[in-house]
N, C-alpha and C. Protein backbone atom coordinates (compact mmCIF):
# COMPACT_ATOMS: atom_id res chain seq x y z
N MET A 1 159.65 -36.17 42.93
CA MET A 1 159.21 -35.12 42.65
C MET A 1 157.74 -35.22 42.36
N PHE A 2 157.13 -34.08 42.96
CA PHE A 2 155.68 -34.00 42.81
C PHE A 2 155.07 -33.43 41.46
N TYR A 3 156.01 -32.97 40.61
CA TYR A 3 155.20 -32.73 39.45
C TYR A 3 155.02 -33.82 38.46
N SER A 4 153.78 -33.52 37.90
CA SER A 4 153.47 -34.44 36.90
C SER A 4 153.09 -33.82 35.64
N ASP A 5 152.80 -34.33 34.55
CA ASP A 5 152.59 -33.87 33.47
C ASP A 5 151.30 -34.28 32.86
N PRO A 6 150.03 -33.88 32.84
CA PRO A 6 149.62 -32.43 33.34
C PRO A 6 149.81 -32.26 34.52
N PRO A 7 149.78 -30.92 35.35
CA PRO A 7 150.06 -30.76 36.77
C PRO A 7 148.87 -31.41 37.58
N TYR A 8 148.09 -32.31 37.60
CA TYR A 8 146.99 -32.45 38.27
C TYR A 8 147.31 -32.19 40.05
N VAL A 9 148.38 -32.51 40.29
CA VAL A 9 148.73 -32.36 42.01
C VAL A 9 148.43 -31.24 42.15
N LEU A 10 149.36 -30.15 41.30
CA LEU A 10 149.37 -28.63 41.58
C LEU A 10 147.46 -28.16 41.51
N ILE A 11 147.07 -28.65 40.60
CA ILE A 11 145.64 -28.09 40.30
C ILE A 11 144.91 -28.41 41.65
N ALA A 12 144.84 -29.88 42.28
CA ALA A 12 144.21 -30.22 43.45
C ALA A 12 144.56 -29.67 44.37
N ALA A 13 145.86 -29.47 44.48
CA ALA A 13 146.47 -28.75 45.82
C ALA A 13 146.16 -26.95 46.13
N SER A 14 145.98 -26.88 44.93
CA SER A 14 146.00 -25.32 44.96
C SER A 14 144.12 -24.94 45.09
N LEU A 15 143.68 -25.73 44.51
CA LEU A 15 142.41 -25.73 44.85
C LEU A 15 141.75 -26.18 46.12
N LEU A 16 142.45 -27.29 46.91
CA LEU A 16 142.16 -27.18 48.25
C LEU A 16 142.60 -26.23 49.15
N THR A 17 143.72 -25.66 48.77
CA THR A 17 144.31 -24.59 49.58
C THR A 17 143.32 -23.31 49.42
N ALA A 18 142.97 -23.09 48.43
CA ALA A 18 142.13 -21.67 47.98
C ALA A 18 140.67 -21.86 48.92
N ALA A 19 140.03 -23.24 49.00
CA ALA A 19 138.82 -23.80 49.43
C ALA A 19 138.88 -23.35 51.03
N VAL A 20 139.99 -24.03 51.81
CA VAL A 20 140.51 -23.88 52.86
C VAL A 20 140.26 -22.40 53.64
N CYS A 21 141.34 -21.68 52.85
CA CYS A 21 141.68 -20.28 53.09
C CYS A 21 140.37 -19.63 52.86
N CYS A 22 139.45 -19.74 51.88
CA CYS A 22 138.10 -18.99 51.69
C CYS A 22 137.11 -18.99 52.82
N TYR A 23 137.30 -20.67 53.31
CA TYR A 23 136.26 -20.67 54.49
C TYR A 23 136.97 -20.18 55.88
N SER A 24 138.11 -20.06 56.02
CA SER A 24 138.56 -19.14 56.97
C SER A 24 138.60 -17.89 56.98
N PHE A 25 138.67 -17.22 55.85
CA PHE A 25 138.50 -15.72 55.46
C PHE A 25 136.99 -15.44 55.74
N TYR A 26 135.87 -16.08 55.34
CA TYR A 26 134.36 -16.16 55.54
C TYR A 26 134.13 -16.07 57.03
N LYS A 27 134.71 -17.11 57.62
CA LYS A 27 134.41 -17.20 59.34
C LYS A 27 134.85 -16.13 59.95
N THR A 28 136.13 -15.84 59.87
CA THR A 28 136.70 -14.40 60.44
C THR A 28 136.14 -13.40 60.21
N LEU A 29 135.76 -13.13 58.94
CA LEU A 29 134.80 -12.00 58.40
C LEU A 29 133.36 -11.98 59.16
N VAL A 30 132.84 -12.87 59.00
CA VAL A 30 131.20 -12.94 59.83
C VAL A 30 131.74 -12.97 61.07
N GLY A 31 132.37 -13.76 61.74
CA GLY A 31 132.21 -14.08 63.27
C GLY A 31 132.76 -12.21 63.63
N THR A 32 133.88 -11.76 63.14
CA THR A 32 134.20 -10.34 63.58
C THR A 32 133.03 -9.39 63.51
N LEU A 33 132.40 -9.18 62.32
CA LEU A 33 131.02 -8.16 62.00
C LEU A 33 129.86 -8.63 63.20
N GLN A 34 129.64 -9.92 63.36
CA GLN A 34 128.62 -10.25 64.44
C GLN A 34 128.91 -9.67 65.59
N ASP A 35 130.64 -9.81 66.03
CA ASP A 35 130.82 -9.21 67.34
C ASP A 35 130.59 -7.75 67.43
N TRP A 36 131.19 -7.17 66.22
CA TRP A 36 130.86 -5.65 66.25
C TRP A 36 129.36 -5.44 66.26
N SER A 37 128.57 -5.97 65.56
CA SER A 37 127.13 -5.44 65.57
C SER A 37 126.57 -5.83 67.07
N LYS A 38 126.96 -6.68 67.75
CA LYS A 38 127.08 -6.63 69.19
C LYS A 38 127.36 -5.46 70.13
N ARG A 39 128.60 -5.06 69.94
CA ARG A 39 129.34 -4.38 70.87
C ARG A 39 129.71 -2.50 70.06
N ARG A 40 129.42 -2.72 68.84
CA ARG A 40 129.75 -1.50 68.10
C ARG A 40 131.01 -1.02 68.50
N SER A 41 132.06 -1.83 68.36
CA SER A 41 133.50 -1.18 68.87
C SER A 41 134.13 -1.17 67.40
N SER A 42 134.70 0.16 67.19
CA SER A 42 135.71 0.66 65.91
C SER A 42 136.94 -0.47 66.16
N ARG A 43 137.55 -0.70 67.07
CA ARG A 43 138.36 -1.70 67.14
C ARG A 43 138.26 -2.97 66.31
N LEU A 44 137.11 -3.65 66.61
CA LEU A 44 137.11 -4.82 65.93
C LEU A 44 137.22 -4.60 64.63
N LEU A 45 136.66 -3.42 63.98
CA LEU A 45 136.76 -3.34 62.23
C LEU A 45 138.29 -3.09 61.92
N VAL A 46 139.01 -2.42 62.89
CA VAL A 46 140.38 -2.08 62.59
C VAL A 46 141.05 -2.91 62.49
N LEU A 47 140.75 -4.46 63.41
CA LEU A 47 141.42 -5.65 63.42
C LEU A 47 141.01 -6.53 62.34
N LEU A 48 140.26 -6.09 61.61
CA LEU A 48 139.61 -6.74 60.27
C LEU A 48 140.52 -6.36 59.32
N GLN A 49 141.31 -5.25 59.28
CA GLN A 49 142.03 -4.78 58.26
C GLN A 49 143.36 -4.96 58.54
N GLY A 50 143.79 -5.74 59.41
CA GLY A 50 145.28 -6.50 59.89
C GLY A 50 145.44 -7.69 59.29
N SER A 51 146.34 -8.84 59.95
CA SER A 51 146.55 -9.70 59.83
C SER A 51 145.46 -11.05 59.64
N ARG A 52 144.36 -10.21 60.46
CA ARG A 52 143.59 -11.55 60.52
C ARG A 52 142.63 -11.76 59.34
N LEU A 53 142.65 -10.66 58.31
CA LEU A 53 142.02 -11.11 57.12
C LEU A 53 143.19 -11.30 56.09
N LYS A 54 144.44 -10.52 56.32
CA LYS A 54 145.19 -10.89 54.90
C LYS A 54 146.02 -11.94 55.09
N VAL A 55 146.04 -12.77 55.94
CA VAL A 55 146.75 -14.13 55.79
C VAL A 55 145.73 -15.00 55.26
N PRO A 56 144.52 -15.24 55.24
CA PRO A 56 143.54 -16.11 54.79
C PRO A 56 143.65 -15.36 53.32
N LEU A 57 143.37 -14.00 52.98
CA LEU A 57 143.44 -13.85 51.72
C LEU A 57 144.70 -13.99 50.99
N LEU A 58 145.95 -14.05 51.64
CA LEU A 58 147.16 -14.57 50.94
C LEU A 58 147.30 -16.12 50.50
N GLY A 59 146.57 -16.65 51.11
CA GLY A 59 146.12 -18.22 50.85
C GLY A 59 145.28 -18.32 50.03
N ILE A 60 144.41 -17.44 49.80
CA ILE A 60 143.61 -17.46 48.40
C ILE A 60 144.28 -17.10 47.27
N THR A 61 144.93 -16.11 47.54
CA THR A 61 145.78 -15.71 46.35
C THR A 61 146.82 -16.66 45.76
N LEU A 62 147.38 -17.11 46.71
CA LEU A 62 148.51 -18.51 46.44
C LEU A 62 147.52 -19.42 46.10
N GLY A 63 146.56 -20.06 46.75
CA GLY A 63 145.94 -21.32 45.79
C GLY A 63 145.04 -20.65 44.39
N ALA A 64 144.56 -19.46 44.06
CA ALA A 64 144.53 -19.26 42.83
C ALA A 64 145.29 -19.00 41.97
N THR A 65 146.66 -18.61 42.31
CA THR A 65 147.57 -18.53 41.30
C THR A 65 148.10 -19.97 40.88
N GLY A 66 148.38 -20.63 42.14
CA GLY A 66 148.54 -22.27 41.35
C GLY A 66 147.37 -22.96 40.65
N PHE A 67 146.11 -22.88 41.02
CA PHE A 67 145.22 -23.53 40.24
C PHE A 67 145.07 -22.76 38.70
N LEU A 68 145.31 -21.29 38.51
CA LEU A 68 145.18 -20.97 37.28
C LEU A 68 146.82 -21.36 36.49
N SER A 69 147.68 -21.24 37.13
CA SER A 69 148.76 -21.80 36.60
C SER A 69 148.87 -23.36 36.17
N GLY A 70 148.50 -24.11 37.26
CA GLY A 70 148.33 -25.51 36.83
C GLY A 70 147.34 -25.68 35.56
N SER A 71 146.11 -25.07 35.71
CA SER A 71 145.43 -25.01 34.51
C SER A 71 145.76 -24.64 33.05
N LEU A 72 146.89 -23.33 33.16
CA LEU A 72 147.24 -23.15 31.90
C LEU A 72 148.69 -24.04 31.49
N LEU A 73 149.13 -24.86 32.55
CA LEU A 73 150.22 -25.56 32.33
C LEU A 73 149.59 -26.88 31.82
N PHE A 74 148.10 -27.30 32.11
CA PHE A 74 147.29 -28.47 31.45
C PHE A 74 147.17 -28.07 29.91
N PHE A 75 147.11 -27.04 29.49
CA PHE A 75 146.53 -26.61 27.89
C PHE A 75 148.01 -26.29 27.55
N SER A 76 149.42 -27.06 28.09
CA SER A 76 150.81 -26.71 27.34
C SER A 76 151.19 -25.27 27.23
N MET A 77 150.70 -24.49 27.86
CA MET A 77 151.56 -22.99 27.87
C MET A 77 152.85 -23.36 28.49
N PRO A 78 153.68 -22.47 28.34
CA PRO A 78 155.02 -22.17 28.88
C PRO A 78 154.89 -21.70 30.53
N PRO A 79 155.53 -22.74 30.89
CA PRO A 79 155.80 -22.46 32.47
C PRO A 79 155.70 -21.23 33.03
N SER A 80 156.87 -20.39 32.33
CA SER A 80 157.00 -19.04 32.75
C SER A 80 155.62 -18.18 32.33
N PHE A 81 155.30 -18.16 31.26
CA PHE A 81 154.07 -17.38 31.19
C PHE A 81 152.63 -18.02 32.23
N ALA A 82 152.63 -19.27 32.30
CA ALA A 82 151.70 -19.78 32.95
C ALA A 82 151.72 -19.27 34.31
N TYR A 83 152.89 -19.21 35.26
CA TYR A 83 153.16 -18.70 36.38
C TYR A 83 153.28 -16.99 36.28
N SER A 84 153.71 -16.39 35.76
CA SER A 84 153.57 -15.20 35.35
C SER A 84 151.91 -14.47 35.45
N PHE A 85 151.61 -15.11 34.20
CA PHE A 85 150.35 -14.45 34.07
C PHE A 85 149.22 -14.54 35.20
N SER A 86 149.25 -15.81 35.63
CA SER A 86 148.30 -16.35 36.93
C SER A 86 148.66 -15.41 38.22
N ALA A 87 150.06 -15.02 38.57
CA ALA A 87 150.04 -14.14 39.61
C ALA A 87 149.84 -13.02 39.40
N LEU A 88 149.85 -12.66 38.36
CA LEU A 88 149.16 -11.26 37.69
C LEU A 88 147.91 -11.06 37.64
N ILE A 89 147.07 -11.99 37.44
CA ILE A 89 145.71 -11.87 37.59
C ILE A 89 145.04 -11.92 38.82
N ALA A 90 145.84 -13.18 39.88
CA ALA A 90 145.42 -13.02 41.33
C ALA A 90 145.75 -12.03 42.08
N GLY A 91 146.76 -11.25 41.34
CA GLY A 91 147.37 -10.19 42.37
C GLY A 91 146.57 -8.76 42.13
N VAL A 92 145.93 -8.79 41.08
CA VAL A 92 145.08 -7.75 40.42
C VAL A 92 143.93 -7.98 41.02
N SER A 93 143.13 -9.10 41.30
CA SER A 93 142.08 -9.25 41.68
C SER A 93 142.26 -9.30 43.37
N VAL A 94 142.91 -9.94 43.73
CA VAL A 94 143.12 -9.43 45.05
C VAL A 94 143.24 -8.25 45.88
N THR A 95 143.94 -7.38 45.11
CA THR A 95 144.03 -5.94 45.30
C THR A 95 142.52 -5.19 45.23
N LEU A 96 141.68 -5.70 44.15
CA LEU A 96 140.41 -4.71 43.99
C LEU A 96 139.47 -5.31 45.17
N VAL A 97 139.58 -6.45 45.42
CA VAL A 97 138.92 -7.24 46.43
C VAL A 97 139.16 -6.31 47.79
N TRP A 98 140.72 -6.38 48.28
CA TRP A 98 141.04 -5.61 49.35
C TRP A 98 140.44 -4.14 49.37
N ILE A 99 140.59 -3.83 48.20
CA ILE A 99 140.27 -2.17 48.24
C ILE A 99 138.93 -2.04 48.52
N GLN A 100 137.95 -3.06 47.85
CA GLN A 100 136.72 -2.74 48.23
C GLN A 100 136.21 -3.05 49.56
N LEU A 101 137.04 -4.00 49.79
CA LEU A 101 136.26 -4.58 51.18
C LEU A 101 136.74 -3.01 52.74
N ARG A 102 138.02 -2.71 52.24
CA ARG A 102 138.30 -1.66 53.25
C ARG A 102 137.49 -0.44 52.96
N THR A 103 136.65 -0.47 51.84
CA THR A 103 135.74 0.55 51.41
C THR A 103 134.68 0.73 52.35
N LEU A 104 133.94 -0.72 52.09
CA LEU A 104 132.83 -1.16 52.64
C LEU A 104 133.11 -1.22 54.72
N LEU A 105 134.09 -1.73 54.95
CA LEU A 105 134.54 -1.35 56.52
C LEU A 105 134.44 0.16 56.78
N ARG A 106 135.22 1.00 56.11
CA ARG A 106 135.18 2.38 56.41
C ARG A 106 133.89 3.06 56.66
N ARG A 107 132.86 2.64 55.49
CA ARG A 107 131.57 3.09 55.64
C ARG A 107 130.96 2.29 56.59
N LEU A 108 131.06 1.10 57.03
CA LEU A 108 130.44 0.44 58.08
C LEU A 108 130.83 1.18 59.31
N GLU A 109 132.12 1.64 59.45
CA GLU A 109 132.42 2.22 60.94
C GLU A 109 132.11 3.72 61.12
N SER A 110 131.64 4.41 59.98
CA SER A 110 131.26 5.80 59.73
C SER A 110 129.92 5.68 60.58
N GLY A 111 129.15 5.00 59.30
CA GLY A 111 127.68 5.16 59.42
C GLY A 111 126.88 4.01 60.05
N GLY A 112 127.45 2.87 60.39
CA GLY A 112 126.59 1.79 60.77
C GLY A 112 126.13 0.83 59.11
N VAL A 113 125.06 -0.02 59.68
CA VAL A 113 124.66 -0.79 58.45
C VAL A 113 124.28 0.48 57.68
N LYS A 114 123.42 1.30 57.90
CA LYS A 114 122.43 2.15 56.92
C LYS A 114 123.25 2.83 55.82
N ALA A 115 124.68 3.08 56.56
CA ALA A 115 125.76 3.68 55.69
C ALA A 115 126.13 2.82 54.31
N LEU A 116 125.90 1.55 54.39
CA LEU A 116 126.23 0.91 53.26
C LEU A 116 125.43 0.94 52.01
N LYS A 117 124.12 1.15 52.25
CA LYS A 117 123.34 1.57 50.80
C LYS A 117 123.78 0.33 50.06
N LEU A 118 123.24 -0.79 50.29
CA LEU A 118 123.34 -1.84 49.51
C LEU A 118 122.81 -1.94 48.09
N GLU A 119 121.74 -1.22 48.06
CA GLU A 119 121.18 -1.05 46.16
C GLU A 119 122.20 -0.22 45.70
N GLU A 120 123.56 0.22 46.33
CA GLU A 120 124.16 0.88 45.12
C GLU A 120 125.23 -0.19 44.82
N LEU A 121 125.31 -1.24 45.16
CA LEU A 121 125.99 -2.16 45.06
C LEU A 121 125.79 -3.17 43.96
N GLY A 122 124.40 -2.97 43.75
CA GLY A 122 123.80 -4.04 42.51
C GLY A 122 123.41 -3.19 41.50
N LEU A 123 123.01 -3.57 40.32
CA LEU A 123 122.79 -2.88 39.11
C LEU A 123 121.74 -2.13 39.40
N GLY A 124 120.89 -1.99 40.09
CA GLY A 124 119.85 -1.14 40.51
C GLY A 124 119.15 -0.61 39.37
N GLU A 125 119.22 0.91 39.09
CA GLU A 125 118.86 1.31 37.91
C GLU A 125 119.62 1.45 36.72
N ILE A 126 120.60 0.90 36.40
CA ILE A 126 121.54 0.70 35.50
C ILE A 126 120.46 0.13 33.92
N PRO A 127 120.01 0.79 33.02
CA PRO A 127 119.21 0.39 32.15
C PRO A 127 120.20 -0.61 31.22
N LEU A 128 119.68 -1.79 30.91
CA LEU A 128 120.49 -2.67 30.03
C LEU A 128 119.69 -2.71 28.64
N PRO A 129 120.44 -2.18 27.87
CA PRO A 129 119.86 -2.37 26.24
C PRO A 129 119.26 -3.94 25.95
N GLY A 130 118.32 -3.94 25.45
CA GLY A 130 117.73 -5.25 24.59
C GLY A 130 117.15 -6.09 25.81
N PHE A 131 116.71 -5.54 26.81
CA PHE A 131 116.51 -6.52 28.10
C PHE A 131 115.11 -6.27 28.36
N ILE A 132 114.14 -7.23 28.77
CA ILE A 132 112.88 -6.68 28.98
C ILE A 132 112.71 -5.79 30.25
N GLY A 133 111.90 -5.00 30.09
CA GLY A 133 111.79 -3.67 30.90
C GLY A 133 112.70 -2.46 30.40
N ASP A 134 113.15 -2.43 29.65
CA ASP A 134 114.08 -1.52 29.22
C ASP A 134 113.28 -0.48 28.22
N ASP A 135 113.18 0.82 28.87
CA ASP A 135 112.07 1.59 28.49
C ASP A 135 112.86 2.64 27.57
N SER A 136 114.26 2.28 27.29
CA SER A 136 114.65 3.55 26.60
C SER A 136 114.78 4.02 25.19
N ASN A 137 113.89 2.91 24.57
CA ASN A 137 113.19 2.74 23.17
C ASN A 137 112.81 3.78 22.59
């Protein structure tokens, strides 16, 4: 049996799985976007919304679920809570990332790089109270 108490094998294997899938996700995304910038073919962006990115993203999700559940088990949480909580957190996170990625790909397809407006993705003009440069006082 591969289970140990605490679950070091689960934590290490899940972390390795997530890291390998992250690298695959990154390489696929960057490679396809570089091809798109040369050819401007909307077919390439549609392919990104298919299994080319979903499979590595699923691996990242499974790796994150395993890592989180192993970490919770390490701190003596009940297994049913650890696995269900980890699956919920990883599932919600991957869903939000996928929605954001699809939104960015649609913007990229409709208007090119200029349509992204990268300043909208940062904090930009949002005043943060109590920080230097805050003129709201």
